[in-house]
Amino acid sequence: MQKLRLTKNEVCHILSIKADKLAKLIQTDVSFPRPIKEGVTRQAAVYFDRQDVENWWCNKKAANDPNAVLSA
């Protein structure tokens, strides 16, 4: 079974980007999955939903592929 939630480092690894690029994606790309904070303190861990990240990537790929067929 795959992990349901990913850390920032794991998302960077999966997308092959650095932490500063991830931060920029979070700020500028409204379609990028929002981080989920576990707790209310400033030091609380932040995670991303694996399925949301995978869906975002698939949508980005489809948007860049002129031959992609989108299902309704």
C-alpha atoms as a PDB file:
ATOM      1  CA  MET A   1       0.000   0.000   0.000  1.00  0.00           C
ATOM      2  CA  GLN A   2       1.267   3.459  -0.881  1.00  0.00           C
ATOM      3  CA  LYS A   3       1.450   6.263   1.628  1.00  0.00           C
ATOM      4  CA  LEU A   4      -1.627   8.480   1.607  1.00  0.00           C
ATOM      5  CA  ARG A   5       0.211  11.628   2.599  1.00  0.00           C
ATOM      6  CA  LEU A   6       3.535  12.964   1.456  1.00  0.00           C
ATOM      7  CA  THR A   7       5.996  15.340   3.071  1.00  0.00           C
ATOM      8  CA  LYS A   8       7.336  18.361   1.206  1.00  0.00           C
ATOM      9  CA  ASN A   9      10.589  16.497   0.600  1.00  0.00           C
ATOM     10  CA  GLU A  10       8.751  13.507  -0.841  1.00  0.00           C
ATOM     11  CA  VAL A  11       6.733  15.738  -3.172  1.00  0.00           C
ATOM     12  CA  CYS A  12       9.953  17.410  -4.323  1.00  0.00           C
ATOM     13  CA  HIS A  13      11.485  14.002  -4.975  1.00  0.00           C
ATOM     14  CA  ILE A  14       8.448  12.709  -6.889  1.00  0.00           C
ATOM     15  CA  LEU A  15       8.252  15.837  -9.063  1.00  0.00           C
ATOM     16  CA  SER A  16      12.058  16.141  -9.376  1.00  0.00           C
ATOM     17  CA  ILE A  17      12.058  19.731  -8.168  1.00  0.00           C
ATOM     18  CA  LYS A  18      13.747  21.641  -5.359  1.00  0.00           C
ATOM     19  CA  ALA A  19      12.021  23.062  -2.298  1.00  0.00           C
ATOM     20  CA  ASP A  20      12.061  26.632  -3.627  1.00  0.00           C
ATOM     21  CA  LYS A  21      10.258  25.514  -6.808  1.00  0.00           C
ATOM     22  CA  LEU A  22       7.662  23.690  -4.699  1.00  0.00           C
ATOM     23  CA  ALA A  23       7.094  26.830  -2.650  1.00  0.00           C
ATOM     24  CA  LYS A  24       6.646  28.812  -5.865  1.00  0.00           C
ATOM     25  CA  LEU A  25       4.138  26.255  -7.191  1.00  0.00           C
ATOM     26  CA  ILE A  26       2.127  26.476  -3.976  1.00  0.00           C
ATOM     27  CA  GLN A  27       2.024  30.282  -4.225  1.00  0.00           C
ATOM     28  CA  THR A  28       1.452  30.762  -7.944  1.00  0.00           C
ATOM     29  CA  ASP A  29      -0.365  27.696  -9.311  1.00  0.00           C
ATOM     30  CA  VAL A  30      -3.954  27.673  -8.084  1.00  0.00           C
ATOM     31  CA  SER A  31      -4.424  24.139  -9.430  1.00  0.00           C
ATOM     32  CA  PHE A  32      -1.569  22.750  -7.318  1.00  0.00           C
ATOM     33  CA  PRO A  33      -2.805  20.808  -4.258  1.00  0.00           C
ATOM     34  CA  ARG A  34      -2.887  22.815  -1.050  1.00  0.00           C
ATOM     35  CA  PRO A  35      -0.711  21.525   1.794  1.00  0.00           C
ATOM     36  CA  ILE A  36      -2.494  20.002   4.775  1.00  0.00           C
ATOM     37  CA  LYS A  37      -1.192  21.158   8.137  1.00  0.00           C
ATOM     38  CA  GLU A  38      -1.350  18.603  10.936  1.00  0.00           C
ATOM     39  CA  GLY A  39      -2.059  20.735  13.994  1.00  0.00           C
ATOM     40  CA  VAL A  40      -2.345  24.401  14.825  1.00  0.00           C
ATOM     41  CA  THR A  41       1.154  25.231  16.016  1.00  0.00           C
ATOM     42  CA  ARG A  42       3.680  26.891  13.757  1.00  0.00           C
ATOM     43  CA  GLN A  43       5.907  23.808  13.921  1.00  0.00           C
ATOM     44  CA  ALA A  44       3.115  21.393  12.955  1.00  0.00           C
ATOM     45  CA  ALA A  45       3.988  19.015  10.135  1.00  0.00           C
ATOM     46  CA  VAL A  46       2.736  19.767   6.628  1.00  0.00           C
ATOM     47  CA  TYR A  47       1.646  17.050   4.230  1.00  0.00           C
ATOM     48  CA  PHE A  48       0.222  16.693   0.729  1.00  0.00           C
ATOM     49  CA  ASP A  49      -2.383  14.171  -0.347  1.00  0.00           C
ATOM     50  CA  ARG A  50      -0.725  11.663  -2.702  1.00  0.00           C
ATOM     51  CA  GLN A  51      -3.757  11.323  -4.966  1.00  0.00           C
ATOM     52  CA  ASP A  52      -4.112  15.116  -5.304  1.00  0.00           C
ATOM     53  CA  VAL A  53      -0.461  15.436  -6.364  1.00  0.00           C
ATOM     54  CA  GLU A  54      -0.796  12.575  -8.861  1.00  0.00           C
ATOM     55  CA  ASN A  55      -4.014  14.046 -10.300  1.00  0.00           C
ATOM     56  CA  TRP A  56      -2.377  17.474 -10.628  1.00  0.00           C
ATOM     57  CA  TRP A  57       0.543  15.925 -12.528  1.00  0.00           C
ATOM     58  CA  CYS A  58      -1.760  13.964 -14.861  1.00  0.00           C
ATOM     59  CA  ASN A  59      -3.764  17.122 -15.610  1.00  0.00           C
ATOM     60  CA  LYS A  60      -0.557  19.066 -16.352  1.00  0.00           C
ATOM     61  CA  LYS A  61       0.610  16.334 -18.711  1.00  0.00           C
ATOM     62  CA  ALA A  62      -2.754  16.224 -20.474  1.00  0.00           C
ATOM     63  CA  ALA A  63      -2.809  20.005 -20.857  1.00  0.00           C
ATOM     64  CA  ASN A  64       0.599  19.889 -22.562  1.00  0.00           C
ATOM     65  CA  ASP A  65      -0.290  17.003 -24.874  1.00  0.00           C
ATOM     66  CA  PRO A  66      -2.204  18.178 -27.941  1.00  0.00           C
ATOM     67  CA  ASN A  67      -3.183  14.559 -28.714  1.00  0.00           C
ATOM     68  CA  ALA A  68      -4.617  13.872 -25.259  1.00  0.00           C
ATOM     69  CA  VAL A  69      -8.275  12.961 -25.115  1.00  0.00           C
ATOM     70  CA  LEU A  70     -10.071  14.306 -22.061  1.00  0.00           C
ATOM     71  CA  SER A  71     -12.980  12.283 -20.780  1.00  0.00           C
ATOM     72  CA  ALA A  72     -16.028  14.174 -19.578  1.00  0.00           C
END
